[in-house]
């Protein structure tokens, strides 16, 4: 039996699928590509970024993996009836979408920035988005507390 999903759920599902696709592709083809030969102490097929900058590669790998797993969690949550409490499902989806957002931003920063001076704009953007998310969470909690006090 097919079940109708709301427009917002359809949009979230689309975003989850898009994030899963992007992160999966980035995992298969990491920034910098792969070594093509066995010389200078590296093995063909190893990521170039891992050899050149191990810290950046680890940051990219973990951020990309976090975004991938969170996007899969979004897809699974939207397709299943596992969580039946609407408010709880909403908070889990918001948390997963936040993880996807920060995971994608972190992977982008780690994979694209070579010098701090050239990537200052990306860092500022990440800080602005982080500040927005924190302010949004604080605003929602304040509204929730006000509603509880009125009741």
C-alpha atoms as a PDB file:
ATOM      1  CA  UNK A   1       0.000   0.000   0.000  1.00  0.00           C
ATOM      2  CA  UNK A   2       1.428   3.336  -1.035  1.00  0.00           C
ATOM      3  CA  UNK A   3       1.354   6.057   1.541  1.00  0.00           C
ATOM      4  CA  UNK A   4       1.144   9.706   0.726  1.00  0.00           C
ATOM      5  CA  UNK A   5       3.990  11.822   2.024  1.00  0.00           C
ATOM      6  CA  UNK A   6       3.719  15.500   2.690  1.00  0.00           C
ATOM      7  CA  UNK A   7       5.454  18.093   0.591  1.00  0.00           C
ATOM      8  CA  UNK A   8       7.989  18.894   3.332  1.00  0.00           C
ATOM      9  CA  UNK A   9       8.814  15.201   3.735  1.00  0.00           C
ATOM     10  CA  UNK A  10       9.281  14.925  -0.020  1.00  0.00           C
ATOM     11  CA  UNK A  11      11.664  17.887   0.039  1.00  0.00           C
ATOM     12  CA  UNK A  12      13.609  16.422   2.954  1.00  0.00           C
ATOM     13  CA  UNK A  13      13.785  13.099   1.155  1.00  0.00           C
ATOM     14  CA  UNK A  14      15.097  14.831  -1.954  1.00  0.00           C
ATOM     15  CA  UNK A  15      17.740  16.675   0.089  1.00  0.00           C
ATOM     16  CA  UNK A  16      18.738  13.440   1.843  1.00  0.00           C
ATOM     17  CA  UNK A  17      19.126  11.629  -1.476  1.00  0.00           C
ATOM     18  CA  UNK A  18      21.120  14.535  -2.926  1.00  0.00           C
ATOM     19  CA  UNK A  19      23.444  14.628   0.103  1.00  0.00           C
ATOM     20  CA  UNK A  20      23.925  10.853  -0.015  1.00  0.00           C
ATOM     21  CA  UNK A  21      24.795  11.040  -3.708  1.00  0.00           C
ATOM     22  CA  UNK A  22      27.257  13.906  -3.278  1.00  0.00           C
ATOM     23  CA  UNK A  23      29.011  12.373  -0.276  1.00  0.00           C
ATOM     24  CA  UNK A  24      29.182   8.928  -1.872  1.00  0.00           C
ATOM     25  CA  UNK A  25      30.753  10.403  -5.006  1.00  0.00           C
ATOM     26  CA  UNK A  26      33.211  12.455  -2.932  1.00  0.00           C
ATOM     27  CA  UNK A  27      34.187   9.300  -1.044  1.00  0.00           C
ATOM     28  CA  UNK A  28      34.879   7.467  -4.306  1.00  0.00           C
ATOM     29  CA  UNK A  29      36.806  10.392  -5.775  1.00  0.00           C
ATOM     30  CA  UNK A  30      38.472  12.349  -2.927  1.00  0.00           C
ATOM     31  CA  UNK A  31      40.020  15.786  -3.480  1.00  0.00           C
ATOM     32  CA  UNK A  32      43.362  15.550  -5.240  1.00  0.00           C
ATOM     33  CA  UNK A  33      42.579  12.180  -6.782  1.00  0.00           C
ATOM     34  CA  UNK A  34      44.687   9.038  -6.465  1.00  0.00           C
ATOM     35  CA  UNK A  35      48.313   8.152  -7.117  1.00  0.00           C
ATOM     36  CA  UNK A  36      48.743   6.419 -10.458  1.00  0.00           C
ATOM     37  CA  UNK A  37      52.147   4.818  -9.842  1.00  0.00           C
ATOM     38  CA  UNK A  38      54.230   3.170  -7.111  1.00  0.00           C
ATOM     39  CA  UNK A  39      57.040   5.664  -6.625  1.00  0.00           C
ATOM     40  CA  UNK A  40      58.362   8.024  -3.961  1.00  0.00           C
ATOM     41  CA  UNK A  41      57.051   5.817  -1.139  1.00  0.00           C
ATOM     42  CA  UNK A  42      53.375   5.784  -2.089  1.00  0.00           C
ATOM     43  CA  UNK A  43      51.232   3.042  -3.585  1.00  0.00           C
ATOM     44  CA  UNK A  44      49.109   3.413  -6.708  1.00  0.00           C
ATOM     45  CA  UNK A  45      45.466   3.897  -5.772  1.00  0.00           C
ATOM     46  CA  UNK A  46      46.144   5.677  -2.476  1.00  0.00           C
ATOM     47  CA  UNK A  47      44.615   9.158  -2.095  1.00  0.00           C
ATOM     48  CA  UNK A  48      47.059  11.945  -2.895  1.00  0.00           C
ATOM     49  CA  UNK A  49      45.625  14.221  -0.190  1.00  0.00           C
ATOM     50  CA  UNK A  50      46.349  11.573   2.466  1.00  0.00           C
ATOM     51  CA  UNK A  51      50.047  11.648   1.567  1.00  0.00           C
ATOM     52  CA  UNK A  52      50.357  15.407   1.133  1.00  0.00           C
ATOM     53  CA  UNK A  53      48.254  16.495   4.130  1.00  0.00           C
ATOM     54  CA  UNK A  54      47.116  13.673   6.432  1.00  0.00           C
ATOM     55  CA  UNK A  55      45.225  16.020   8.786  1.00  0.00           C
ATOM     56  CA  UNK A  56      43.203  17.531   5.955  1.00  0.00           C
ATOM     57  CA  UNK A  57      42.452  14.073   4.556  1.00  0.00           C
ATOM     58  CA  UNK A  58      41.256  12.807   7.952  1.00  0.00           C
ATOM     59  CA  UNK A  59      39.077  15.904   8.390  1.00  0.00           C
ATOM     60  CA  UNK A  60      37.642  15.412   4.900  1.00  0.00           C
ATOM     61  CA  UNK A  61      37.068  11.705   5.448  1.00  0.00           C
ATOM     62  CA  UNK A  62      35.298  12.070   8.800  1.00  0.00           C
ATOM     63  CA  UNK A  63      33.172  15.042   7.732  1.00  0.00           C
ATOM     64  CA  UNK A  64      32.176  13.310   4.500  1.00  0.00           C
ATOM     65  CA  UNK A  65      31.382  10.042   6.298  1.00  0.00           C
ATOM     66  CA  UNK A  66      29.303  11.876   8.904  1.00  0.00           C
ATOM     67  CA  UNK A  67      27.282  13.641   6.210  1.00  0.00           C
ATOM     68  CA  UNK A  68      26.799  10.353   4.332  1.00  0.00           C
ATOM     69  CA  UNK A  69      25.555   8.437   7.367  1.00  0.00           C
ATOM     70  CA  UNK A  70      23.295  11.312   8.469  1.00  0.00           C
ATOM     71  CA  UNK A  71      21.770  11.534   4.983  1.00  0.00           C
ATOM     72  CA  UNK A  72      21.098   7.787   5.031  1.00  0.00           C
ATOM     73  CA  UNK A  73      19.464   8.204   8.444  1.00  0.00           C
ATOM     74  CA  UNK A  74      17.200  10.921   7.005  1.00  0.00           C
ATOM     75  CA  UNK A  75      16.163   8.686   4.113  1.00  0.00           C
ATOM     76  CA  UNK A  76      15.459   5.754   6.446  1.00  0.00           C
ATOM     77  CA  UNK A  77      13.506   7.895   8.925  1.00  0.00           C
ATOM     78  CA  UNK A  78      11.334   9.381   6.216  1.00  0.00           C
ATOM     79  CA  UNK A  79      10.603   6.004   4.636  1.00  0.00           C
ATOM     80  CA  UNK A  80       9.816   4.093   7.815  1.00  0.00           C
ATOM     81  CA  UNK A  81       7.277   4.311  10.586  1.00  0.00           C
ATOM     82  CA  UNK A  82       9.962   3.622  13.201  1.00  0.00           C
ATOM     83  CA  UNK A  83       9.451   6.838  15.120  1.00  0.00           C
ATOM     84  CA  UNK A  84       5.754   7.485  15.488  1.00  0.00           C
ATOM     85  CA  UNK A  85       5.893  10.487  17.803  1.00  0.00           C
ATOM     86  CA  UNK A  86       5.764  13.446  15.430  1.00  0.00           C
ATOM     87  CA  UNK A  87       7.743  15.871  17.630  1.00  0.00           C
ATOM     88  CA  UNK A  88      10.509  13.363  18.271  1.00  0.00           C
ATOM     89  CA  UNK A  89      10.788  12.543  14.566  1.00  0.00           C
ATOM     90  CA  UNK A  90      11.012  16.253  13.792  1.00  0.00           C
ATOM     91  CA  UNK A  91      13.886  16.805  16.224  1.00  0.00           C
ATOM     92  CA  UNK A  92      15.747  13.734  14.968  1.00  0.00           C
ATOM     93  CA  UNK A  93      15.345  14.948  11.385  1.00  0.00           C
ATOM     94  CA  UNK A  94      16.508  18.447  12.317  1.00  0.00           C
ATOM     95  CA  UNK A  95      19.563  17.018  14.050  1.00  0.00           C
ATOM     96  CA  UNK A  96      20.357  14.789  11.081  1.00  0.00           C
ATOM     97  CA  UNK A  97      19.961  17.678   8.628  1.00  0.00           C
ATOM     98  CA  UNK A  98      22.272  19.804  10.782  1.00  0.00           C
ATOM     99  CA  UNK A  99      24.848  16.999  10.766  1.00  0.00           C
ATOM    100  CA  UNK A 100      24.565  16.752   6.987  1.00  0.00           C
ATOM    101  CA  UNK A 101      24.994  20.511   6.610  1.00  0.00           C
ATOM    102  CA  UNK A 102      28.066  20.722   8.837  1.00  0.00           C
ATOM    103  CA  UNK A 103      29.507  17.498   7.445  1.00  0.00           C
ATOM    104  CA  UNK A 104      29.258  18.795   3.883  1.00  0.00           C
ATOM    105  CA  UNK A 105      30.723  22.156   4.863  1.00  0.00           C
ATOM    106  CA  UNK A 106      33.572  20.510   6.778  1.00  0.00           C
ATOM    107  CA  UNK A 107      34.362  18.174   3.890  1.00  0.00           C
ATOM    108  CA  UNK A 108      34.364  21.120   1.502  1.00  0.00           C
ATOM    109  CA  UNK A 109      36.686  23.141   3.714  1.00  0.00           C
ATOM    110  CA  UNK A 110      39.076  20.235   4.261  1.00  0.00           C
ATOM    111  CA  UNK A 111      39.068  19.194   0.621  1.00  0.00           C
ATOM    112  CA  UNK A 112      39.351  22.561  -1.052  1.00  0.00           C
ATOM    113  CA  UNK A 113      41.461  24.839   1.131  1.00  0.00           C
ATOM    114  CA  UNK A 114      45.232  24.746   0.741  1.00  0.00           C
ATOM    115  CA  UNK A 115      46.233  27.941   2.492  1.00  0.00           C
ATOM    116  CA  UNK A 116      44.448  29.675   5.320  1.00  0.00           C
ATOM    117  CA  UNK A 117      44.721  33.031   3.560  1.00  0.00           C
ATOM    118  CA  UNK A 118      42.859  31.742   0.488  1.00  0.00           C
ATOM    119  CA  UNK A 119      40.136  29.993   2.459  1.00  0.00           C
ATOM    120  CA  UNK A 120      39.214  32.718   4.940  1.00  0.00           C
ATOM    121  CA  UNK A 121      35.900  33.306   3.154  1.00  0.00           C
ATOM    122  CA  UNK A 122      34.903  29.672   3.554  1.00  0.00           C
ATOM    123  CA  UNK A 123      35.735  29.764   7.265  1.00  0.00           C
ATOM    124  CA  UNK A 124      33.674  32.941   7.704  1.00  0.00           C
ATOM    125  CA  UNK A 125      30.748  31.316   5.900  1.00  0.00           C
ATOM    126  CA  UNK A 126      30.970  28.224   8.117  1.00  0.00           C
ATOM    127  CA  UNK A 127      31.021  30.408  11.225  1.00  0.00           C
ATOM    128  CA  UNK A 128      28.000  32.379  10.019  1.00  0.00           C
ATOM    129  CA  UNK A 129      26.014  29.222   9.322  1.00  0.00           C
ATOM    130  CA  UNK A 130      27.029  27.780  12.693  1.00  0.00           C
ATOM    131  CA  UNK A 131      25.965  31.004  14.442  1.00  0.00           C
ATOM    132  CA  UNK A 132      22.625  30.911  12.603  1.00  0.00           C
ATOM    133  CA  UNK A 133      21.977  27.310  13.672  1.00  0.00           C
ATOM    134  CA  UNK A 134      22.851  28.071  17.305  1.00  0.00           C
ATOM    135  CA  UNK A 135      20.613  31.145  17.326  1.00  0.00           C
ATOM    136  CA  UNK A 136      17.788  29.163  15.706  1.00  0.00           C
ATOM    137  CA  UNK A 137      18.046  26.438  18.358  1.00  0.00           C
ATOM    138  CA  UNK A 138      18.091  28.997  21.175  1.00  0.00           C
ATOM    139  CA  UNK A 139      15.088  30.799  19.666  1.00  0.00           C
ATOM    140  CA  UNK A 140      13.101  27.556  19.356  1.00  0.00           C
ATOM    141  CA  UNK A 141      13.881  26.566  22.941  1.00  0.00           C
ATOM    142  CA  UNK A 142      12.893  29.992  24.228  1.00  0.00           C
ATOM    143  CA  UNK A 143       9.571  29.743  22.362  1.00  0.00           C
ATOM    144  CA  UNK A 144       9.007  26.267  23.778  1.00  0.00           C
ATOM    145  CA  UNK A 145       9.636  27.490  27.330  1.00  0.00           C
ATOM    146  CA  UNK A 146       7.256  30.434  26.835  1.00  0.00           C
ATOM    147  CA  UNK A 147       4.534  28.125  25.559  1.00  0.00           C
ATOM    148  CA  UNK A 148       4.950  25.835  28.562  1.00  0.00           C
ATOM    149  CA  UNK A 149       4.717  28.764  30.973  1.00  0.00           C
ATOM    150  CA  UNK A 150       1.475  29.969  29.373  1.00  0.00           C
ATOM    151  CA  UNK A 151      -0.121  26.539  29.763  1.00  0.00           C
END
